[in-house]
Each structure stands twice: as C-alpha cells, then as structure tokens.
Amino acid sequence: MVDLVTAPFGTFTINAKEASEYEDNGKPLYFTILDTDRVIGEFLENLSIDLINLDGNLLGIRFLSINKKKGEDVVAGLIETYVEEMIKYENELAENTIKMIDNRLKLLSGEIEGVEKSVEKFKTSNDPTNVTDNARLYIAQANDYKKLISDYQTEINVINSIEMYLQQGNPDTPIPASLSANDPSLTGMIDQYNETLLQKGQMAQSASSANPIIVNLDRTLNDLGKAIVENVRSAKNRLLIAQRNQQSNANKYQAQIAKVPSMERQLVDISRDKSTKEGLYLYLLQKREEEVLSLAAPVSSTRIVSLPKARKFSC
C-alpha cells in the first residue's frame, strides 16, 4: 500500500528507484519542493547563449551546474524543445500558406468553369472561319506579346494574394513566403519578419510585454511590416509597368488584325483569359503540393553541430 502525501499545492506519492541503494535506517527523510518560477529563474541565470560566428547563425549554449549529468541533460532538453518548437512553427507557416492557397484555388476553379462554359457557348452559337495567311501571322505575333502579358498577370495575381493576406492577416501570425519565390528581396524580408516573430514568441514565454527586448522586437516587426507592404506595392507597380510595355507592343499588331472576323477575335480573347487563369491555378497547385509535402515529412531547419558535453571549470 502506498501512502498519499497531502500538501497545500496537491497530493502525491514518493517511491524509491528500483536500482536504488538506499537502506531504511528508521530516520525520517526530508524533501525540498521549490517554486516553479524560482527554479526557472535560477536555470536562466546559469544559462547563456552566444553567437559563435558573427556572419553565420551558429549558436553556443552553456549551462553552469554542479552536476555533470544534470547539466548535459538540461542543454539536451533545451535543444530538443527548440527543435520541436521550430517544427511546430514551420508547420504552422505551411498550414497558413495551404489555407490561403485553398481559398484562392476555390475562387479560380469557379472562374475557370465560367470561362469554359463561355467557350462552349461561343462555339455552339458560331462557326469560326479561317483567316488569311497574313492575318494569321499578325495574330501569332500579337499572341506572343499577349502570352508575356498573361505571364505578368500571373505574377501580379500572386502579388495581389500576398497583399490581401497582409491586409487581412494577424500581426502575430507568420507570413507565407513561398508564393514570393520570384522576388528574392520580398522573400528575404518576409523570412526576416517571420524569424523576428518567432524570436518574440520565444521571449514572450519568459518575459512581459514591457520587457525592453520585447518592445524592441515589436518595433522591428512594425518596421518590417511597413517595409514588406511597401515592397509588395513596388513589385506590383514594376510588374504593371512591364505588362503595359508588352501591351503597347501587342497593340501595334491590332490594326493589322482588323480583317480577322469578329467572332475569331472574341474566341482568342476568351481562350487567353482561360489560359491566364489555368496558369495561375497550376502554379498554386504546385505550391500547395510543396507545402503538403513539408507537412508530411516535418524536418526542422535546425542542425546540431555537437552534442552537449560537460566541462570542468576551476575557480
């Protein structure tokens, strides 16, 4: 029978280890139960984390302890917890990206279905005729430019998706960066924002919002958020300018296509609209698959260079 020990903070039992060499000599045993916050505070005082190389991201973790095994276990547990938190954070980022992509795919699916019905209705009501060789040549040249315009529109749509996420998103939620792969500058800023947000989340577990480090991180996040919005707008303006330039080139051939039957031009316009939407749909599907695969095989980006090893220091 095991006796229960009742204390103000709870009821518990005390059992000896199976391999223990303890011998009962009839004397009472005494135990010290410390306050959790006090233990955490003492651990933090003995813990130090330093940047090993200024140009990289290699960290050195040190923990002072009078017990060699305990010190190694504390550092190992800290690393293990950090890796688990990184996987959780990266999974959360992937899940947010998948949700945003799913919403966009749902809208695009309806739009593509509508365009396909338009093509079917047009072909049922009309009998498109062939055009002259010269007209076909002009159409081919114009369509080359329109293809470039369509490609720019796909990038603009992606930028619009990111801009919409920034307007509707939670400031404490990571920003999906995978959709901005075509803009390294924007991707880098989003990565920096997410890393700062992760650092704030870790600090917030042991510090209040008034802590100078937390305040500084909030200021950094605010500045980065504004910079990202500005970068998104600038990227969008650059794409719009490039798209208008291609449109200007395409317009040079529009006068030569005047002989093309009206219904042929309409069919070309409908098909181009369908091609643009399908291109964006396939692009988003590919990005979604990449995020799903990252969730299926979660691997932290953190790498352990060397396992915790106790060292003896002389005073």
C-alpha atoms as a PDB file:
ATOM      1  CA  MET A   1       0.000   0.000   0.000  1.00  0.00           C
ATOM      2  CA  VAL A   2       1.337   3.426  -0.961  1.00  0.00           C
ATOM      3  CA  ASP A   3       0.681   6.322   1.362  1.00  0.00           C
ATOM      4  CA  LEU A   4      -0.532   9.575  -0.157  1.00  0.00           C
ATOM      5  CA  VAL A   5       1.147  12.814   0.891  1.00  0.00           C
ATOM      6  CA  THR A   6      -1.172  15.796   1.007  1.00  0.00           C
ATOM      7  CA  ALA A   7       0.255  19.312   0.682  1.00  0.00           C
ATOM      8  CA  PRO A   8      -1.300  22.752   0.011  1.00  0.00           C
ATOM      9  CA  PHE A   9      -0.356  22.503  -3.666  1.00  0.00           C
ATOM     10  CA  GLY A  10      -1.540  18.920  -4.273  1.00  0.00           C
ATOM     11  CA  THR A  11      -1.466  15.228  -3.314  1.00  0.00           C
ATOM     12  CA  PHE A  12       1.395  12.926  -4.365  1.00  0.00           C
ATOM     13  CA  THR A  13       3.377   9.771  -3.557  1.00  0.00           C
ATOM     14  CA  ILE A  14       7.123   9.152  -3.157  1.00  0.00           C
ATOM     15  CA  ASN A  15       8.633   5.893  -4.447  1.00  0.00           C
ATOM     16  CA  ALA A  16      12.246   4.675  -4.331  1.00  0.00           C
ATOM     17  CA  LYS A  17      14.010   3.854  -7.595  1.00  0.00           C
ATOM     18  CA  GLU A  18      14.293   0.153  -8.418  1.00  0.00           C
ATOM     19  CA  ALA A  19      18.099   0.291  -8.629  1.00  0.00           C
ATOM     20  CA  SER A  20      18.435   2.499  -5.550  1.00  0.00           C
ATOM     21  CA  GLU A  21      20.993   1.511  -2.877  1.00  0.00           C
ATOM     22  CA  TYR A  22      19.053   3.298  -0.152  1.00  0.00           C
ATOM     23  CA  GLU A  23      18.722   1.427   3.160  1.00  0.00           C
ATOM     24  CA  ASP A  24      15.981   2.323   5.593  1.00  0.00           C
ATOM     25  CA  ASN A  25      17.647   3.177   8.908  1.00  0.00           C
ATOM     26  CA  GLY A  26      14.465   4.359  10.542  1.00  0.00           C
ATOM     27  CA  LYS A  27      15.324   8.043  10.283  1.00  0.00           C
ATOM     28  CA  PRO A  28      12.912  10.448   8.598  1.00  0.00           C
ATOM     29  CA  LEU A  29      13.618  11.677   5.053  1.00  0.00           C
ATOM     30  CA  TYR A  30      13.331  15.317   4.123  1.00  0.00           C
ATOM     31  CA  PHE A  31      12.454  16.736   0.687  1.00  0.00           C
ATOM     32  CA  THR A  32      12.643  20.259  -0.641  1.00  0.00           C
ATOM     33  CA  ILE A  33       9.993  21.251  -3.213  1.00  0.00           C
ATOM     34  CA  LEU A  34      10.848  24.537  -4.897  1.00  0.00           C
ATOM     35  CA  ASP A  35       8.546  27.041  -6.580  1.00  0.00           C
ATOM     36  CA  THR A  36       8.443  26.521 -10.359  1.00  0.00           C
ATOM     37  CA  ASP A  37       9.128  30.188 -11.222  1.00  0.00           C
ATOM     38  CA  ARG A  38      12.070  30.218  -8.820  1.00  0.00           C
ATOM     39  CA  VAL A  39      13.613  27.124 -10.422  1.00  0.00           C
ATOM     40  CA  ILE A  40      13.134  28.599 -13.895  1.00  0.00           C
ATOM     41  CA  GLY A  41      14.750  31.850 -12.780  1.00  0.00           C
ATOM     42  CA  GLU A  42      17.798  30.016 -11.396  1.00  0.00           C
ATOM     43  CA  PHE A  43      18.126  27.985 -14.565  1.00  0.00           C
ATOM     44  CA  LEU A  44      18.021  31.139 -16.706  1.00  0.00           C
ATOM     45  CA  GLU A  45      20.719  32.754 -14.578  1.00  0.00           C
ATOM     46  CA  ASN A  46      23.030  29.799 -15.246  1.00  0.00           C
ATOM     47  CA  LEU A  47      22.176  29.606 -18.941  1.00  0.00           C
ATOM     48  CA  SER A  48      23.995  31.602 -21.629  1.00  0.00           C
ATOM     49  CA  ILE A  49      23.605  31.507 -25.413  1.00  0.00           C
ATOM     50  CA  ASP A  50      26.230  33.198 -27.598  1.00  0.00           C
ATOM     51  CA  LEU A  51      26.635  33.755 -31.324  1.00  0.00           C
ATOM     52  CA  ILE A  52      29.738  31.787 -32.347  1.00  0.00           C
ATOM     53  CA  ASN A  53      30.291  33.421 -35.748  1.00  0.00           C
ATOM     54  CA  LEU A  54      29.119  36.961 -36.498  1.00  0.00           C
ATOM     55  CA  ASP A  55      28.497  36.201 -40.185  1.00  0.00           C
ATOM     56  CA  GLY A  56      26.514  32.990 -39.590  1.00  0.00           C
ATOM     57  CA  ASN A  57      23.862  31.536 -37.348  1.00  0.00           C
ATOM     58  CA  LEU A  58      25.887  29.110 -35.219  1.00  0.00           C
ATOM     59  CA  LEU A  59      24.991  29.321 -31.515  1.00  0.00           C
ATOM     60  CA  GLY A  60      26.924  28.154 -28.464  1.00  0.00           C
ATOM     61  CA  ILE A  61      24.858  27.060 -25.432  1.00  0.00           C
ATOM     62  CA  ARG A  62      26.379  26.949 -21.939  1.00  0.00           C
ATOM     63  CA  PHE A  63      24.775  25.905 -18.661  1.00  0.00           C
ATOM     64  CA  LEU A  64      26.545  26.061 -15.305  1.00  0.00           C
ATOM     65  CA  SER A  65      25.741  23.130 -12.999  1.00  0.00           C
ATOM     66  CA  ILE A  66      27.450  21.325 -10.129  1.00  0.00           C
ATOM     67  CA  ASN A  67      26.071  18.061 -11.531  1.00  0.00           C
ATOM     68  CA  LYS A  68      27.699  16.962 -14.796  1.00  0.00           C
ATOM     69  CA  LYS A  69      24.836  14.688 -15.916  1.00  0.00           C
ATOM     70  CA  LYS A  70      22.196  17.228 -14.957  1.00  0.00           C
ATOM     71  CA  GLY A  71      23.939  19.976 -16.927  1.00  0.00           C
ATOM     72  CA  GLU A  72      24.176  17.833 -20.054  1.00  0.00           C
ATOM     73  CA  ASP A  73      20.509  16.816 -19.719  1.00  0.00           C
ATOM     74  CA  VAL A  74      19.370  20.432 -19.348  1.00  0.00           C
ATOM     75  CA  VAL A  75      21.173  21.537 -22.528  1.00  0.00           C
ATOM     76  CA  ALA A  76      19.990  18.442 -24.428  1.00  0.00           C
ATOM     77  CA  GLY A  77      16.415  19.075 -23.293  1.00  0.00           C
ATOM     78  CA  LEU A  78      16.654  22.724 -24.312  1.00  0.00           C
ATOM     79  CA  ILE A  79      17.867  21.776 -27.806  1.00  0.00           C
ATOM     80  CA  GLU A  80      15.180  19.111 -28.160  1.00  0.00           C
ATOM     81  CA  THR A  81      12.448  21.562 -27.140  1.00  0.00           C
ATOM     82  CA  TYR A  82      13.786  24.195 -29.544  1.00  0.00           C
ATOM     83  CA  VAL A  83      13.779  21.718 -32.438  1.00  0.00           C
ATOM     84  CA  GLU A  84      10.210  20.698 -31.608  1.00  0.00           C
ATOM     85  CA  GLU A  85       9.128  24.352 -31.479  1.00  0.00           C
ATOM     86  CA  MET A  86      10.814  25.045 -34.834  1.00  0.00           C
ATOM     87  CA  ILE A  87       8.961  22.128 -36.441  1.00  0.00           C
ATOM     88  CA  LYS A  88       5.706  23.380 -34.910  1.00  0.00           C
ATOM     89  CA  TYR A  89       6.402  26.902 -36.209  1.00  0.00           C
ATOM     90  CA  GLU A  90       7.316  25.714 -39.713  1.00  0.00           C
ATOM     91  CA  ASN A  91       4.208  23.510 -39.800  1.00  0.00           C
ATOM     92  CA  GLU A  92       2.042  26.452 -38.756  1.00  0.00           C
ATOM     93  CA  LEU A  93       3.563  28.537 -41.554  1.00  0.00           C
ATOM     94  CA  ALA A  94       2.877  25.755 -44.080  1.00  0.00           C
ATOM     95  CA  GLU A  95      -0.716  25.353 -42.851  1.00  0.00           C
ATOM     96  CA  ASN A  96      -1.356  29.095 -43.206  1.00  0.00           C
ATOM     97  CA  THR A  97       0.010  29.006 -46.742  1.00  0.00           C
ATOM     98  CA  ILE A  98      -2.157  25.994 -47.649  1.00  0.00           C
ATOM     99  CA  LYS A  99      -5.281  27.740 -46.309  1.00  0.00           C
ATOM    100  CA  MET A 100      -4.553  30.849 -48.364  1.00  0.00           C
ATOM    101  CA  ILE A 101      -3.877  28.769 -51.493  1.00  0.00           C
ATOM    102  CA  ASP A 102      -7.055  26.708 -50.974  1.00  0.00           C
ATOM    103  CA  ASN A 103      -9.160  29.866 -50.793  1.00  0.00           C
ATOM    104  CA  ARG A 104      -7.597  31.196 -53.984  1.00  0.00           C
ATOM    105  CA  LEU A 105      -7.975  27.830 -55.768  1.00  0.00           C
ATOM    106  CA  LYS A 106     -11.646  27.715 -54.852  1.00  0.00           C
ATOM    107  CA  LEU A 107     -12.210  31.111 -56.474  1.00  0.00           C
ATOM    108  CA  LEU A 108     -10.138  30.242 -59.537  1.00  0.00           C
ATOM    109  CA  SER A 109     -11.988  26.953 -60.002  1.00  0.00           C
ATOM    110  CA  GLY A 110     -15.277  28.816 -60.318  1.00  0.00           C
ATOM    111  CA  GLU A 111     -13.760  31.380 -62.686  1.00  0.00           C
ATOM    112  CA  ILE A 112     -12.250  28.695 -64.947  1.00  0.00           C
ATOM    113  CA  GLU A 113     -15.544  26.819 -65.049  1.00  0.00           C
ATOM    114  CA  GLY A 114     -17.283  30.035 -66.108  1.00  0.00           C
ATOM    115  CA  VAL A 115     -14.758  30.670 -68.906  1.00  0.00           C
ATOM    116  CA  GLU A 116     -15.074  27.085 -70.181  1.00  0.00           C
ATOM    117  CA  LYS A 117     -18.844  27.497 -70.386  1.00  0.00           C
ATOM    118  CA  SER A 118     -18.298  30.736 -72.325  1.00  0.00           C
ATOM    119  CA  VAL A 119     -16.074  28.929 -74.858  1.00  0.00           C
ATOM    120  CA  GLU A 120     -18.600  26.125 -75.221  1.00  0.00           C
ATOM    121  CA  LYS A 121     -21.482  28.572 -75.695  1.00  0.00           C
ATOM    122  CA  PHE A 122     -19.487  30.630 -78.216  1.00  0.00           C
ATOM    123  CA  LYS A 123     -18.565  27.630 -80.348  1.00  0.00           C
ATOM    124  CA  THR A 124     -22.136  26.347 -80.234  1.00  0.00           C
ATOM    125  CA  SER A 125     -23.527  29.691 -81.439  1.00  0.00           C
ATOM    126  CA  ASN A 126     -20.817  30.457 -84.025  1.00  0.00           C
ATOM    127  CA  ASP A 127     -18.755  28.781 -86.705  1.00  0.00           C
ATOM    128  CA  PRO A 128     -15.301  30.369 -86.562  1.00  0.00           C
ATOM    129  CA  THR A 129     -13.824  30.835 -90.040  1.00  0.00           C
ATOM    130  CA  ASN A 130     -10.218  30.709 -91.105  1.00  0.00           C
ATOM    131  CA  VAL A 131      -8.367  33.976 -91.692  1.00  0.00           C
ATOM    132  CA  THR A 132      -5.860  34.883 -94.393  1.00  0.00           C
ATOM    133  CA  ASP A 133      -2.197  33.929 -94.042  1.00  0.00           C
ATOM    134  CA  ASN A 134      -1.145  37.500 -93.298  1.00  0.00           C
ATOM    135  CA  ALA A 135      -3.833  37.871 -90.684  1.00  0.00           C
ATOM    136  CA  ARG A 136      -2.688  34.609 -89.075  1.00  0.00           C
ATOM    137  CA  LEU A 137       0.874  35.918 -88.961  1.00  0.00           C
ATOM    138  CA  TYR A 138      -0.230  39.134 -87.248  1.00  0.00           C
ATOM    139  CA  ILE A 139      -2.301  37.159 -84.784  1.00  0.00           C
ATOM    140  CA  ALA A 140       0.674  34.919 -83.983  1.00  0.00           C
ATOM    141  CA  GLN A 141       2.905  37.948 -83.389  1.00  0.00           C
ATOM    142  CA  ALA A 142       0.295  39.647 -81.239  1.00  0.00           C
ATOM    143  CA  ASN A 143      -0.312  36.456 -79.265  1.00  0.00           C
ATOM    144  CA  ASP A 144       3.394  36.179 -78.442  1.00  0.00           C
ATOM    145  CA  TYR A 145       3.144  39.509 -76.670  1.00  0.00           C
ATOM    146  CA  LYS A 146      -0.174  38.553 -75.104  1.00  0.00           C
ATOM    147  CA  LYS A 147       1.475  35.423 -73.709  1.00  0.00           C
ATOM    148  CA  LEU A 148       4.054  37.646 -71.999  1.00  0.00           C
ATOM    149  CA  ILE A 149       1.221  39.852 -70.731  1.00  0.00           C
ATOM    150  CA  SER A 150      -0.504  36.736 -69.375  1.00  0.00           C
ATOM    151  CA  ASP A 151       2.704  35.675 -67.575  1.00  0.00           C
ATOM    152  CA  TYR A 152       2.968  39.097 -65.960  1.00  0.00           C
ATOM    153  CA  GLN A 153      -0.683  38.856 -64.938  1.00  0.00           C
ATOM    154  CA  THR A 154       0.025  35.558 -63.174  1.00  0.00           C
ATOM    155  CA  GLU A 155       2.792  37.237 -61.138  1.00  0.00           C
ATOM    156  CA  ILE A 156       0.512  40.207 -60.425  1.00  0.00           C
ATOM    157  CA  ASN A 157      -2.195  37.845 -59.168  1.00  0.00           C
ATOM    158  CA  VAL A 158       0.325  36.210 -56.824  1.00  0.00           C
ATOM    159  CA  ILE A 159       1.393  39.640 -55.511  1.00  0.00           C
ATOM    160  CA  ASN A 160      -2.291  40.516 -55.031  1.00  0.00           C
ATOM    161  CA  SER A 161      -2.729  37.348 -52.950  1.00  0.00           C
ATOM    162  CA  ILE A 162       0.186  38.327 -50.691  1.00  0.00           C
ATOM    163  CA  GLU A 163      -1.122  41.911 -50.419  1.00  0.00           C
ATOM    164  CA  MET A 164      -4.587  40.626 -49.455  1.00  0.00           C
ATOM    165  CA  TYR A 165      -3.030  38.338 -46.809  1.00  0.00           C
ATOM    166  CA  LEU A 166      -1.104  41.277 -45.315  1.00  0.00           C
ATOM    167  CA  GLN A 167      -4.273  43.387 -45.153  1.00  0.00           C
ATOM    168  CA  GLN A 168      -6.373  40.658 -43.537  1.00  0.00           C
ATOM    169  CA  GLY A 169      -3.694  38.774 -41.559  1.00  0.00           C
ATOM    170  CA  ASN A 170      -2.963  38.707 -37.840  1.00  0.00           C
ATOM    171  CA  PRO A 171       0.265  40.594 -36.871  1.00  0.00           C
ATOM    172  CA  ASP A 172       1.188  37.616 -34.627  1.00  0.00           C
ATOM    173  CA  THR A 173       0.797  35.121 -37.492  1.00  0.00           C
ATOM    174  CA  PRO A 174       3.753  34.202 -39.778  1.00  0.00           C
ATOM    175  CA  ILE A 175       3.545  35.472 -43.353  1.00  0.00           C
ATOM    176  CA  PRO A 176       3.656  32.725 -46.023  1.00  0.00           C
ATOM    177  CA  ALA A 177       6.787  33.434 -48.061  1.00  0.00           C
ATOM    178  CA  SER A 178       6.745  30.542 -50.507  1.00  0.00           C
ATOM    179  CA  LEU A 179       4.479  32.345 -53.004  1.00  0.00           C
ATOM    180  CA  SER A 180       7.009  35.173 -53.463  1.00  0.00           C
ATOM    181  CA  ALA A 181       9.817  32.923 -54.789  1.00  0.00           C
ATOM    182  CA  ASN A 182      10.153  35.079 -57.935  1.00  0.00           C
ATOM    183  CA  ASP A 183      11.107  38.119 -55.836  1.00  0.00           C
ATOM    184  CA  PRO A 184      14.190  37.314 -53.668  1.00  0.00           C
ATOM    185  CA  SER A 185      14.090  40.736 -51.985  1.00  0.00           C
ATOM    186  CA  LEU A 186      10.484  40.273 -50.835  1.00  0.00           C
ATOM    187  CA  THR A 187      11.171  36.678 -49.756  1.00  0.00           C
ATOM    188  CA  GLY A 188      14.147  37.810 -47.665  1.00  0.00           C
ATOM    189  CA  MET A 189      12.114  40.497 -45.891  1.00  0.00           C
ATOM    190  CA  ILE A 190       9.278  38.063 -45.140  1.00  0.00           C
ATOM    191  CA  ASP A 191      11.785  35.497 -43.782  1.00  0.00           C
ATOM    192  CA  GLN A 192      13.291  38.190 -41.528  1.00  0.00           C
ATOM    193  CA  TYR A 193       9.806  39.160 -40.299  1.00  0.00           C
ATOM    194  CA  ASN A 194       8.936  35.534 -39.515  1.00  0.00           C
ATOM    195  CA  GLU A 195      12.251  34.944 -37.718  1.00  0.00           C
ATOM    196  CA  THR A 196      11.719  38.079 -35.596  1.00  0.00           C
ATOM    197  CA  LEU A 197       8.166  36.956 -34.815  1.00  0.00           C
ATOM    198  CA  LEU A 198       9.465  33.545 -33.725  1.00  0.00           C
ATOM    199  CA  GLN A 199      12.089  35.196 -31.515  1.00  0.00           C
ATOM    200  CA  LYS A 200       9.406  37.382 -29.915  1.00  0.00           C
ATOM    201  CA  GLY A 201       7.205  34.329 -29.279  1.00  0.00           C
ATOM    202  CA  GLN A 202      10.063  32.547 -27.530  1.00  0.00           C
ATOM    203  CA  MET A 203      10.939  35.604 -25.428  1.00  0.00           C
ATOM    204  CA  ALA A 204       7.284  36.188 -24.501  1.00  0.00           C
ATOM    205  CA  GLN A 205       7.251  32.831 -22.692  1.00  0.00           C
ATOM    206  CA  SER A 206       9.569  34.184 -20.003  1.00  0.00           C
ATOM    207  CA  ALA A 207       9.208  37.985 -20.276  1.00  0.00           C
ATOM    208  CA  SER A 208       6.374  40.523 -20.125  1.00  0.00           C
ATOM    209  CA  SER A 209       5.318  42.815 -22.980  1.00  0.00           C
ATOM    210  CA  ALA A 210       7.077  45.706 -21.184  1.00  0.00           C
ATOM    211  CA  ASN A 211      10.464  43.967 -21.400  1.00  0.00           C
ATOM    212  CA  PRO A 212      12.882  46.172 -23.419  1.00  0.00           C
ATOM    213  CA  ILE A 213      13.760  43.251 -25.706  1.00  0.00           C
ATOM    214  CA  ILE A 214      10.057  42.561 -26.428  1.00  0.00           C
ATOM    215  CA  VAL A 215       9.459  46.285 -27.052  1.00  0.00           C
ATOM    216  CA  ASN A 216      12.407  46.388 -29.450  1.00  0.00           C
ATOM    217  CA  LEU A 217      11.161  43.261 -31.269  1.00  0.00           C
ATOM    218  CA  ASP A 218       7.689  44.818 -31.620  1.00  0.00           C
ATOM    219  CA  ARG A 219       9.288  47.927 -33.106  1.00  0.00           C
ATOM    220  CA  THR A 220      11.300  45.778 -35.521  1.00  0.00           C
ATOM    221  CA  LEU A 221       8.182  43.829 -36.548  1.00  0.00           C
ATOM    222  CA  ASN A 222       6.287  47.066 -37.148  1.00  0.00           C
ATOM    223  CA  ASP A 223       9.098  48.461 -39.317  1.00  0.00           C
ATOM    224  CA  LEU A 224       9.429  45.200 -41.254  1.00  0.00           C
ATOM    225  CA  GLY A 225       5.654  45.042 -41.772  1.00  0.00           C
ATOM    226  CA  LYS A 226       5.644  48.518 -43.311  1.00  0.00           C
ATOM    227  CA  ALA A 227       8.675  47.672 -45.452  1.00  0.00           C
ATOM    228  CA  ILE A 228       7.023  44.469 -46.717  1.00  0.00           C
ATOM    229  CA  VAL A 229       3.844  46.340 -47.664  1.00  0.00           C
ATOM    230  CA  GLU A 230       5.939  48.947 -49.499  1.00  0.00           C
ATOM    231  CA  ASN A 231       7.969  46.218 -51.219  1.00  0.00           C
ATOM    232  CA  VAL A 232       4.776  44.431 -52.325  1.00  0.00           C
ATOM    233  CA  ARG A 233       3.402  47.654 -53.780  1.00  0.00           C
ATOM    234  CA  SER A 234       6.677  48.429 -55.563  1.00  0.00           C
ATOM    235  CA  ALA A 235       6.850  44.916 -57.006  1.00  0.00           C
ATOM    236  CA  LYS A 236       3.270  45.230 -58.198  1.00  0.00           C
ATOM    237  CA  ASN A 237       4.000  48.605 -59.851  1.00  0.00           C
ATOM    238  CA  ARG A 238       7.057  47.168 -61.643  1.00  0.00           C
ATOM    239  CA  LEU A 239       5.006  44.268 -62.979  1.00  0.00           C
ATOM    240  CA  LEU A 240       2.215  46.593 -64.115  1.00  0.00           C
ATOM    241  CA  ILE A 241       4.701  48.818 -65.966  1.00  0.00           C
ATOM    242  CA  ALA A 242       6.302  45.801 -67.674  1.00  0.00           C
ATOM    243  CA  GLN A 243       2.858  44.487 -68.569  1.00  0.00           C
ATOM    244  CA  ARG A 244       1.836  47.829 -70.101  1.00  0.00           C
ATOM    245  CA  ASN A 245       5.013  47.856 -72.202  1.00  0.00           C
ATOM    246  CA  GLN A 246       4.152  44.435 -73.617  1.00  0.00           C
ATOM    247  CA  GLN A 247       0.589  45.601 -74.214  1.00  0.00           C
ATOM    248  CA  SER A 248       1.950  48.544 -76.203  1.00  0.00           C
ATOM    249  CA  ASN A 249       3.897  46.135 -78.417  1.00  0.00           C
ATOM    250  CA  ALA A 250       0.830  43.974 -78.877  1.00  0.00           C
ATOM    251  CA  ASN A 251      -1.266  46.997 -79.867  1.00  0.00           C
ATOM    252  CA  LYS A 252       0.986  47.594 -82.887  1.00  0.00           C
ATOM    253  CA  TYR A 253      -0.472  44.487 -84.477  1.00  0.00           C
ATOM    254  CA  GLN A 254      -4.098  45.132 -83.564  1.00  0.00           C
ATOM    255  CA  ALA A 255      -4.702  47.317 -86.620  1.00  0.00           C
ATOM    256  CA  GLN A 256      -3.411  44.533 -88.862  1.00  0.00           C
ATOM    257  CA  ILE A 257      -5.822  42.075 -87.259  1.00  0.00           C
ATOM    258  CA  ALA A 258      -8.819  44.204 -88.244  1.00  0.00           C
ATOM    259  CA  LYS A 259      -9.572  41.766 -91.058  1.00  0.00           C
ATOM    260  CA  VAL A 260      -9.926  38.901 -88.609  1.00  0.00           C
ATOM    261  CA  PRO A 261     -13.617  38.037 -88.188  1.00  0.00           C
ATOM    262  CA  SER A 262     -15.142  39.443 -85.033  1.00  0.00           C
ATOM    263  CA  MET A 263     -16.029  36.017 -83.668  1.00  0.00           C
ATOM    264  CA  GLU A 264     -12.428  34.824 -84.125  1.00  0.00           C
ATOM    265  CA  ARG A 265     -11.159  37.725 -82.067  1.00  0.00           C
ATOM    266  CA  GLN A 266     -13.723  37.003 -79.382  1.00  0.00           C
ATOM    267  CA  LEU A 267     -12.664  33.363 -79.222  1.00  0.00           C
ATOM    268  CA  VAL A 268      -8.990  34.388 -78.931  1.00  0.00           C
ATOM    269  CA  ASP A 269      -9.840  36.737 -76.047  1.00  0.00           C
ATOM    270  CA  ILE A 270     -11.851  34.081 -74.214  1.00  0.00           C
ATOM    271  CA  SER A 271      -9.122  31.481 -74.716  1.00  0.00           C
ATOM    272  CA  ARG A 272      -6.455  33.874 -73.462  1.00  0.00           C
ATOM    273  CA  ASP A 273      -8.493  34.575 -70.316  1.00  0.00           C
ATOM    274  CA  LYS A 274      -8.847  30.832 -69.746  1.00  0.00           C
ATOM    275  CA  SER A 275      -5.105  30.299 -70.273  1.00  0.00           C
ATOM    276  CA  THR A 276      -4.248  33.003 -67.721  1.00  0.00           C
ATOM    277  CA  LYS A 277      -6.477  31.510 -65.041  1.00  0.00           C
ATOM    278  CA  GLU A 278      -5.291  27.943 -65.718  1.00  0.00           C
ATOM    279  CA  GLY A 279      -1.661  29.069 -65.487  1.00  0.00           C
ATOM    280  CA  LEU A 280      -2.218  30.602 -62.059  1.00  0.00           C
ATOM    281  CA  TYR A 281      -4.249  27.560 -60.955  1.00  0.00           C
ATOM    282  CA  LEU A 282      -1.446  25.141 -61.863  1.00  0.00           C
ATOM    283  CA  TYR A 283       1.131  27.379 -60.202  1.00  0.00           C
ATOM    284  CA  LEU A 284      -0.849  27.437 -56.943  1.00  0.00           C
ATOM    285  CA  LEU A 285      -1.399  23.666 -57.096  1.00  0.00           C
ATOM    286  CA  GLN A 286       2.355  23.148 -57.334  1.00  0.00           C
ATOM    287  CA  LYS A 287       2.987  25.446 -54.368  1.00  0.00           C
ATOM    288  CA  ARG A 288       0.286  23.687 -52.361  1.00  0.00           C
ATOM    289  CA  GLU A 289       1.855  20.289 -53.051  1.00  0.00           C
ATOM    290  CA  GLU A 290       5.231  21.589 -51.844  1.00  0.00           C
ATOM    291  CA  GLU A 291       3.665  22.767 -48.577  1.00  0.00           C
ATOM    292  CA  VAL A 292       1.759  19.479 -48.104  1.00  0.00           C
ATOM    293  CA  LEU A 293       4.977  17.502 -48.583  1.00  0.00           C
ATOM    294  CA  SER A 294       6.726  19.662 -45.989  1.00  0.00           C
ATOM    295  CA  LEU A 295       3.931  18.797 -43.529  1.00  0.00           C
ATOM    296  CA  ALA A 296       4.049  15.085 -44.383  1.00  0.00           C
ATOM    297  CA  ALA A 297       7.754  14.879 -43.559  1.00  0.00           C
ATOM    298  CA  PRO A 298       8.404  17.614 -40.954  1.00  0.00           C
ATOM    299  CA  VAL A 299      12.128  18.283 -40.607  1.00  0.00           C
ATOM    300  CA  SER A 300      13.473  21.197 -38.610  1.00  0.00           C
ATOM    301  CA  SER A 301      15.944  23.543 -40.265  1.00  0.00           C
ATOM    302  CA  THR A 302      17.940  23.468 -37.010  1.00  0.00           C
ATOM    303  CA  ARG A 303      21.115  21.362 -37.085  1.00  0.00           C
ATOM    304  CA  ILE A 304      23.080  20.185 -34.022  1.00  0.00           C
ATOM    305  CA  VAL A 305      26.822  20.595 -34.591  1.00  0.00           C
ATOM    306  CA  SER A 306      27.882  18.788 -31.401  1.00  0.00           C
ATOM    307  CA  LEU A 307      26.014  17.096 -28.559  1.00  0.00           C
ATOM    308  CA  PRO A 308      26.098  18.609 -25.025  1.00  0.00           C
ATOM    309  CA  LYS A 309      29.342  17.742 -23.257  1.00  0.00           C
ATOM    310  CA  ALA A 310      30.197  18.727 -19.675  1.00  0.00           C
ATOM    311  CA  ARG A 311      33.468  20.546 -18.993  1.00  0.00           C
ATOM    312  CA  LYS A 312      35.084  21.122 -15.630  1.00  0.00           C
ATOM    313  CA  PHE A 313      35.968  24.702 -14.683  1.00  0.00           C
ATOM    314  CA  SER A 314      38.326  25.673 -11.876  1.00  0.00           C
ATOM    315  CA  CYS A 315      37.692  28.740  -9.750  1.00  0.00           C
END
